[in-house]
Structures are given as C-alpha cells and as structure tokens.
Amino acid sequence: MKQFIEQLPKVELHLHIEGTLEPELMFELATRNQIAIPYASPNEVREAYQFSNLQSFLDIYYQGANVLIHEQDFFDLTWAYLLRCQQDNVLHSEIFFDPQTHTARGIAFETVVNGIHRALTQAKHELGISSQLIMCFLRHLSEEDALATLEQALPFKDKIIAVGLDSSEQGNPPEKFARVFAKAHEASFLAVAHAGEEGPALNVKNAMELLKVQRVDHGVRCVEDPALVARLIQSRMPLTVCPLSNLKLKVVENMEQHNVVDLLRQGLCVTLNSDDPAYFGGYMSDNFLAVANAHPVTKQELAQFSLNAIEASFISPEEKQRLTERVSQFIRQA
C-alpha cells in the first residue's frame, strides 16, 4: 500500500505556503536576513512543534514567518515545497498565502506574490507541476483590514484565482467577512473558507450561504448536522480535509477516530491535504499513509481522494479530464 500511495497521482487543495517553512530553511533565511529567532537549532524548533490547539500553533507559525523578507525568500520557500510535490507525485497544487502576515511587518504585497508566483511558473516549466494561488484573509483581524488587503490584490488578479479565510476560527465566524467576500466575488475571484475545524457545523453552512464559497476547507464537524451532510452530498460541495493537521491540533485524539473515510463512503466530495506540513509532520503521501494505516481502505478509495480533488480544483475542464485519465490509468495498472 505504501508504494501505491507514493506513486498515486495527487492534487493538493489545502496548503499554506508559510506552513511549509522547514526549520532548516527557517535558520538559513534568518541568517541571510539577520533575523533573530528564539531557537538555537532546527531540532529545537521541531521540539517546539507540540500544539494543544490551533492558537498554540498559530503563535509559532506567525513567529516563523518573520524570516521571510525578500522576494527571493518567498521564491525559495515555495520552490522547496514544489520539490516535495515532485517527490510525492503531486501534479497540481492550489496554494494559500497570507499577505497580512507580511504586510503588517512592512513587506510589500508585490514582494510576497511575485516571489511565490515566480516559483510556481518555474515549477510548471521544469517540474511539470501546475498550480493556482489563493489569497487568504486572517479572520482574527478586522473586516476593514481584509477589505484593504483585497484592494491590494486587485492589480495581481492575473496571479491570484481565489480568496480564502483562515486563522483562528473560534470567535471569528464566516459572517464577519460577508461583505469582503461579496466584493471579492464582484472582482471575479473564486472563494474558499476554513470552516468546521474548531468551529461548529453552522460555520460550514454559513461559509456556503453567506460567503458563497466553491470549497470548504476542513469541514469535518459537518457531521454534527445530518441535514448539512445530506446537502454536502447532494451539492458535491468539496471538503479539503487535513488528517495529520487534525491530529496534531487535537481535532481528533487519534487517526482511528478521524471521519474522513466515513465521509468518503457516504458520498461526500472529500479530499486529503497537508495543510501546514512543516509543522504537522507530513506532506501529501504522509497524510494518505496515515489514513491508510488507521482505516481499512481500498486502493480504489485512496484513488477516489485524488479524483475528488481533481473535480474540486480550479482548473479547466480539459485539464480535469487529463488528470482524471491519468489517475484512472494508474488504477488500472496498479
């Protein structure tokens, strides 16, 4: 099964590029940019990656982002992730970035987006990996701050396909950003939002109804509302589930408790993703393996996660058909 998972063609839809900052690169960038960090070694950083909840993770996450200063830093961060995609046979990735984490430190919006985009373009040519870029609003900040960030993004609409919503779900429900998402839709951005991870099933419903999202990120607490589950099945609203993240942040106590396989078998359009892999102990193949080791899944079911991700992606119908055929061909030969 391990070999099958490693070779299975994959599509990732829930990945925070700042969350791919491995301790070694953090130290390299800190040295290059003369940024002081409160750790003596990469191993000490890894030892700090023991989280009790989402907020305890975010505290370290934002601290690590301080080493990202120049366009080259954002290129190097993104390129390192794309090399992992190549290793894990990820053919397409739709990547989140958090501009407010950087603009609040005085980093220009264009520095961030141009560095990431340059790496994505190079990966398309050199690695054959396609990608899309999604700009997330930090939900613990104000609506006004999100609106200002949306304005900053408008000159870069050729590089950004969608807006998203991440950071602390508790106390920051989807409705806080309804006007921001309405303006984003007016500007022809697609939309996704984190909901139903720490927050209740109601957040999933409100993300769909008030923010008019095309995908729900996480969404695992949808099971608290059977009517919502039925609606998700009927509508094929995708859920971008992150198993190792859910385990690390105590959304579930152990992987055997995770509901992603049950959701798949009920007919929901669930996908597997790595979220913040440098912090949560695993990239795409690791997440597939964690699920397969904890649940009696078939190869066809594992492949269905890839097929769902292709269906849920923001690529053209022609490209969806091409990737679907590639997965189908792999299954036939496996």
Protein backbone atom coordinates (compact mmCIF):
# COMPACT_ATOMS: atom_id res chain seq x y z
CA MET A 1 0.00 0.00 0.00
CA LYS A 2 2.90 2.36 0.74
CA GLN A 3 4.24 2.05 -2.80
CA PHE A 4 0.74 2.53 -4.23
CA ILE A 5 0.29 5.75 -2.22
CA GLU A 6 3.70 7.13 -3.14
CA GLN A 7 3.06 6.56 -6.85
CA LEU A 8 -0.61 7.64 -6.86
CA PRO A 9 -1.03 10.91 -8.81
CA LYS A 10 -2.25 13.58 -6.37
CA VAL A 11 -3.80 17.04 -6.29
CA GLU A 12 -3.44 19.27 -3.21
CA LEU A 13 -6.08 21.92 -2.47
CA HIS A 14 -5.34 22.92 1.14
CA LEU A 15 -1.76 24.05 1.67
CA HIS A 16 -0.49 27.18 3.43
CA ILE A 17 2.82 28.12 1.85
CA GLU A 18 4.03 29.72 5.09
CA GLY A 19 3.29 26.37 6.74
CA THR A 20 5.91 24.63 4.59
CA LEU A 21 8.76 26.53 6.26
CA GLU A 22 11.03 23.72 7.42
CA PRO A 23 13.31 24.50 10.41
CA GLU A 24 16.44 24.22 8.25
CA LEU A 25 15.17 26.84 5.80
CA MET A 26 13.98 29.00 8.70
CA PHE A 27 17.54 29.06 10.04
CA GLU A 28 19.01 29.67 6.58
CA LEU A 29 16.72 32.66 5.97
CA ALA A 30 17.22 34.01 9.49
CA THR A 31 20.97 34.03 8.91
CA ARG A 32 20.67 35.51 5.42
CA ASN A 33 18.35 38.28 6.59
CA GLN A 34 19.96 38.78 10.03
CA ILE A 35 16.72 38.00 11.86
CA ALA A 36 16.93 36.81 15.46
CA ILE A 37 14.84 33.72 16.24
CA PRO A 38 14.34 32.22 19.72
CA TYR A 39 15.79 28.81 18.88
CA ALA A 40 19.34 27.51 18.91
CA SER A 41 18.96 24.78 16.28
CA PRO A 42 16.50 23.22 13.80
CA ASN A 43 15.94 20.38 16.27
CA GLU A 44 14.94 22.87 18.95
CA VAL A 45 12.38 24.30 16.55
CA ARG A 46 10.95 20.85 15.90
CA GLU A 47 10.69 20.20 19.62
CA ALA A 48 8.54 23.34 19.90
CA TYR A 49 6.03 21.86 17.43
CA GLN A 50 3.85 20.34 20.15
CA PHE A 51 0.48 22.03 19.98
CA SER A 52 -2.54 21.92 22.26
CA ASN A 53 -4.89 23.70 19.84
CA LEU A 54 -5.00 25.91 16.76
CA GLN A 55 -3.87 29.05 18.59
CA SER A 56 -0.78 27.43 20.08
CA PHE A 57 0.24 26.50 16.53
CA LEU A 58 -0.51 29.96 15.11
CA ASP A 59 1.73 31.62 17.70
CA ILE A 60 4.77 29.75 16.35
CA TYR A 61 3.57 29.93 12.75
CA TYR A 62 3.50 33.74 12.70
CA GLN A 63 6.82 33.90 14.51
CA GLY A 64 8.46 31.70 11.87
CA ALA A 65 7.14 33.92 9.07
CA ASN A 66 9.31 36.78 10.35
CA VAL A 67 12.32 35.39 8.47
CA LEU A 68 10.55 35.96 5.12
CA ILE A 69 11.65 39.40 3.93
CA HIS A 70 12.67 39.48 0.27
CA GLU A 71 11.14 38.19 -2.96
CA GLN A 72 13.86 35.54 -3.12
CA ASP A 73 12.82 34.26 0.33
CA PHE A 74 9.26 33.65 -0.87
CA PHE A 75 10.63 32.02 -4.03
CA ASP A 76 12.90 29.72 -2.01
CA LEU A 77 10.05 28.79 0.37
CA THR A 78 7.70 27.95 -2.49
CA TRP A 79 10.33 26.11 -4.54
CA ALA A 80 11.20 23.87 -1.58
CA TYR A 81 7.52 22.91 -1.29
CA LEU A 82 7.24 22.23 -5.01
CA LEU A 83 10.20 19.86 -4.85
CA ARG A 84 8.27 17.95 -2.19
CA CYS A 85 5.29 17.88 -4.56
CA GLN A 86 7.52 16.27 -7.17
CA GLN A 87 8.65 13.70 -4.60
CA ASP A 88 5.05 12.91 -3.59
CA ASN A 89 3.74 12.84 -7.18
CA VAL A 90 1.54 15.91 -6.66
CA LEU A 91 0.63 17.02 -10.18
CA HIS A 92 -1.32 20.16 -9.24
CA SER A 93 -1.46 22.31 -6.12
CA GLU A 94 -3.68 25.22 -5.11
CA ILE A 95 -1.67 27.20 -2.60
CA PHE A 96 -2.80 29.59 0.15
CA PHE A 97 -0.77 32.61 1.17
CA ASP A 98 -1.41 35.10 3.97
CA PRO A 99 -0.41 38.59 2.78
CA GLN A 100 -1.47 40.27 6.05
CA THR A 101 1.15 38.24 7.93
CA HIS A 102 3.75 40.02 5.82
CA THR A 103 2.31 43.46 5.03
CA ALA A 104 1.83 44.02 8.77
CA ARG A 105 5.63 43.69 9.05
CA GLY A 106 6.24 46.22 6.30
CA ILE A 107 6.76 43.69 3.49
CA ALA A 108 5.23 44.89 0.22
CA PHE A 109 2.33 42.85 -1.16
CA GLU A 110 4.09 42.56 -4.52
CA THR A 111 7.24 41.16 -2.88
CA VAL A 112 5.19 38.27 -1.49
CA VAL A 113 3.08 37.46 -4.53
CA ASN A 114 5.88 37.88 -7.08
CA GLY A 115 8.25 35.58 -5.19
CA ILE A 116 5.64 32.83 -4.87
CA HIS A 117 4.42 33.24 -8.44
CA ARG A 118 7.94 33.06 -9.90
CA ALA A 119 8.44 29.67 -8.23
CA LEU A 120 5.06 28.41 -9.45
CA THR A 121 5.89 29.45 -13.02
CA GLN A 122 9.30 27.76 -12.87
CA ALA A 123 7.74 24.56 -11.47
CA LYS A 124 5.31 24.41 -14.38
CA HIS A 125 8.17 24.52 -16.88
CA GLU A 126 10.80 22.48 -15.04
CA LEU A 127 8.78 20.03 -12.92
CA GLY A 128 5.53 19.75 -14.86
CA ILE A 129 3.55 20.76 -11.76
CA SER A 130 0.61 23.12 -12.32
CA SER A 131 -0.73 25.42 -9.63
CA GLN A 132 -3.11 28.17 -8.59
CA LEU A 133 -2.68 30.83 -5.91
CA ILE A 134 -5.32 31.64 -3.27
CA MET A 135 -5.08 34.73 -1.07
CA CYS A 136 -6.40 34.19 2.46
CA PHE A 137 -7.72 36.80 4.86
CA LEU A 138 -6.71 36.39 8.50
CA ARG A 139 -10.02 36.08 10.31
CA HIS A 140 -8.67 37.24 13.70
CA LEU A 141 -8.07 40.65 12.09
CA SER A 142 -10.80 43.15 11.21
CA GLU A 143 -13.13 43.32 8.25
CA GLU A 144 -11.52 46.68 7.38
CA ASP A 145 -8.08 45.07 7.24
CA ALA A 146 -9.41 42.35 4.93
CA LEU A 147 -11.01 44.95 2.65
CA ALA A 148 -7.71 46.83 2.43
CA THR A 149 -5.94 43.57 1.56
CA LEU A 150 -8.49 42.85 -1.17
CA GLU A 151 -7.74 46.27 -2.68
CA GLN A 152 -4.02 45.47 -2.65
CA ALA A 153 -4.71 42.24 -4.52
CA LEU A 154 -6.63 43.79 -7.42
CA PRO A 155 -3.53 44.65 -9.52
CA PHE A 156 -2.46 41.00 -9.22
CA LYS A 157 -5.68 39.34 -10.39
CA ASP A 158 -3.72 37.58 -13.14
CA LYS A 159 -1.75 35.73 -10.43
CA ILE A 160 -4.49 35.06 -7.81
CA ILE A 161 -7.51 32.89 -8.64
CA ALA A 162 -9.44 32.97 -5.36
CA VAL A 163 -9.74 34.37 -1.87
CA GLY A 164 -9.88 32.31 1.31
CA LEU A 165 -10.35 32.68 5.05
CA ASP A 166 -8.01 31.18 7.64
CA SER A 167 -6.51 31.69 11.13
CA SER A 168 -8.48 31.43 14.40
CA GLU A 169 -11.98 30.10 13.72
CA GLN A 170 -13.16 30.46 17.32
CA GLY A 171 -14.87 33.82 17.73
CA ASN A 172 -14.43 34.75 14.06
CA PRO A 173 -17.38 33.24 12.18
CA PRO A 174 -17.85 33.48 8.40
CA GLU A 175 -20.47 36.23 8.68
CA LYS A 176 -17.76 38.63 9.93
CA PHE A 177 -16.43 38.70 6.36
CA ALA A 178 -19.60 38.51 4.27
CA ARG A 179 -19.08 41.99 2.77
CA VAL A 180 -15.43 41.26 1.98
CA PHE A 181 -16.34 38.09 0.09
CA ALA A 182 -19.17 39.89 -1.74
CA LYS A 183 -16.62 42.43 -3.02
CA ALA A 184 -14.21 39.63 -3.93
CA HIS A 185 -16.94 37.95 -5.99
CA GLU A 186 -17.64 41.30 -7.71
CA ALA A 187 -13.96 41.35 -8.66
CA SER A 188 -14.36 37.84 -10.18
CA PHE A 189 -12.36 35.97 -7.56
CA LEU A 190 -13.45 32.45 -6.66
CA ALA A 191 -13.80 31.73 -2.93
CA VAL A 192 -12.99 29.14 -0.28
CA ALA A 193 -13.04 29.33 3.52
CA HIS A 194 -11.88 27.39 6.56
CA ALA A 195 -14.93 26.25 8.50
CA GLY A 196 -15.94 23.36 10.74
CA GLU A 197 -12.47 22.63 12.12
CA GLU A 198 -12.52 24.25 15.56
CA GLY A 199 -15.85 25.90 14.87
CA PRO A 200 -19.30 24.24 14.65
CA ALA A 201 -21.15 22.80 11.67
CA LEU A 202 -23.03 26.12 11.45
CA ASN A 203 -19.82 27.74 10.20
CA VAL A 204 -19.77 25.32 7.27
CA LYS A 205 -23.35 26.22 6.40
CA ASN A 206 -22.67 29.95 6.71
CA ALA A 207 -19.50 29.74 4.63
CA MET A 208 -21.61 28.22 1.87
CA GLU A 209 -24.57 30.58 2.19
CA LEU A 210 -23.01 33.89 3.26
CA LEU A 211 -19.57 33.70 1.66
CA LYS A 212 -20.74 31.68 -1.36
CA VAL A 213 -17.64 29.52 -1.38
CA GLN A 214 -16.77 26.93 -4.02
CA ARG A 215 -14.98 24.76 -1.42
CA VAL A 216 -14.98 24.36 2.36
CA ASP A 217 -11.56 23.91 3.95
CA HIS A 218 -11.60 21.27 6.72
CA GLY A 219 -15.35 20.91 7.32
CA VAL A 220 -15.01 17.76 9.42
CA ARG A 221 -17.54 18.95 12.01
CA CYS A 222 -20.29 18.91 9.38
CA VAL A 223 -21.31 15.55 10.89
CA GLU A 224 -22.90 17.43 13.80
CA ASP A 225 -25.71 18.40 11.40
CA PRO A 226 -27.17 15.47 9.41
CA ALA A 227 -29.15 17.84 7.18
CA LEU A 228 -25.91 19.63 6.29
CA VAL A 229 -24.22 16.32 5.48
CA ALA A 230 -27.10 15.45 3.14
CA ARG A 231 -26.74 18.84 1.49
CA LEU A 232 -22.98 18.39 1.05
CA ILE A 233 -23.57 15.01 -0.60
CA GLN A 234 -26.25 16.37 -2.92
CA SER A 235 -24.32 19.51 -3.91
CA ARG A 236 -20.87 17.86 -4.17
CA MET A 237 -19.50 20.76 -2.12
CA PRO A 238 -15.85 19.79 -1.63
CA LEU A 239 -14.26 19.47 1.81
CA THR A 240 -10.46 19.83 1.84
CA VAL A 241 -9.62 17.63 4.82
CA CYS A 242 -6.18 17.61 6.52
CA PRO A 243 -5.81 14.43 8.63
CA LEU A 244 -2.37 14.98 10.21
CA SER A 245 -3.26 18.59 10.96
CA ASN A 246 -6.47 17.50 12.69
CA LEU A 247 -4.46 15.03 14.76
CA LYS A 248 -1.71 17.50 15.68
CA LEU A 249 -4.20 20.22 16.67
CA LYS A 250 -6.35 17.83 18.74
CA VAL A 251 -9.41 17.98 16.47
CA VAL A 252 -9.25 14.19 16.85
CA GLU A 253 -7.47 12.21 19.57
CA ASN A 254 -6.17 9.55 17.18
CA MET A 255 -6.33 8.84 13.46
CA GLU A 256 -8.70 5.90 14.01
CA GLN A 257 -11.28 8.45 15.21
CA HIS A 258 -11.00 10.55 12.06
CA ASN A 259 -14.18 10.64 9.99
CA VAL A 260 -12.69 11.28 6.54
CA VAL A 261 -13.09 7.69 5.30
CA ASP A 262 -16.66 7.54 6.57
CA LEU A 263 -17.41 10.82 4.80
CA LEU A 264 -15.93 9.43 1.58
CA ARG A 265 -18.09 6.30 1.82
CA GLN A 266 -21.19 8.42 2.40
CA GLY A 267 -20.53 10.09 -0.95
CA LEU A 268 -19.09 13.45 0.09
CA CYS A 269 -16.50 15.10 -2.13
CA VAL A 270 -13.71 14.90 0.46
CA THR A 271 -10.03 15.35 -0.40
CA LEU A 272 -6.77 14.74 1.50
CA ASN A 273 -4.30 17.57 2.05
CA SER A 274 -1.29 18.50 4.18
CA ASP A 275 -2.28 21.99 5.48
CA ASP A 276 0.98 23.13 7.20
CA PRO A 277 3.23 20.12 6.63
CA ALA A 278 6.43 21.51 8.17
CA TYR A 279 4.57 21.92 11.46
CA PHE A 280 2.26 18.89 11.37
CA GLY A 281 4.72 16.19 10.44
CA GLY A 282 3.78 15.25 6.92
CA TYR A 283 3.27 16.16 3.29
CA MET A 284 0.74 14.58 0.92
CA SER A 285 1.92 10.97 0.87
CA ASP A 286 2.28 11.08 4.67
CA ASN A 287 -1.37 12.09 5.02
CA PHE A 288 -2.54 9.32 2.68
CA LEU A 289 -0.41 6.82 4.60
CA ALA A 290 -1.73 7.98 7.97
CA VAL A 291 -5.31 7.41 6.81
CA ALA A 292 -4.50 4.04 5.21
CA ASN A 293 -2.67 2.82 8.32
CA ALA A 294 -5.60 3.74 10.59
CA HIS A 295 -8.52 2.64 8.38
CA PRO A 296 -9.14 -0.46 6.20
CA VAL A 297 -9.30 1.48 2.92
CA THR A 298 -9.04 0.04 -0.57
CA LYS A 299 -6.76 1.32 -3.32
CA GLN A 300 -9.85 2.50 -5.18
CA GLU A 301 -10.93 4.56 -2.17
CA LEU A 302 -7.49 6.14 -1.86
CA ALA A 303 -7.58 6.97 -5.56
CA GLN A 304 -11.04 8.49 -5.09
CA PHE A 305 -9.48 11.16 -2.86
CA SER A 306 -7.36 12.16 -5.87
CA LEU A 307 -10.33 12.03 -8.24
CA ASN A 308 -12.35 14.20 -5.84
CA ALA A 309 -9.51 16.71 -5.65
CA ILE A 310 -9.37 16.96 -9.44
CA GLU A 311 -13.15 17.50 -9.52
CA ALA A 312 -12.87 20.19 -6.82
CA SER A 313 -9.90 22.02 -8.32
CA PHE A 314 -9.96 25.38 -10.09
CA ILE A 315 -8.55 24.12 -13.38
CA SER A 316 -10.15 23.90 -16.82
CA PRO A 317 -12.49 21.05 -17.75
CA GLU A 318 -9.90 19.86 -20.26
CA GLU A 319 -7.18 19.72 -17.62
CA LYS A 320 -9.54 17.96 -15.20
CA GLN A 321 -10.21 15.34 -17.86
CA ARG A 322 -6.49 14.89 -18.49
CA LEU A 323 -5.65 14.43 -14.79
CA THR A 324 -8.66 12.15 -14.25
CA GLU A 325 -7.49 9.90 -17.05
CA ARG A 326 -4.01 9.85 -15.55
CA VAL A 327 -5.35 8.65 -12.18
CA SER A 328 -7.68 6.16 -13.87
CA GLN A 329 -4.83 4.75 -15.91
CA PHE A 330 -2.73 4.41 -12.76
CA ILE A 331 -5.54 2.47 -11.02
CA ARG A 332 -5.90 0.12 -13.99
CA GLN A 333 -2.18 -0.65 -13.91
CA ALA A 334 -1.85 -0.90 -10.11
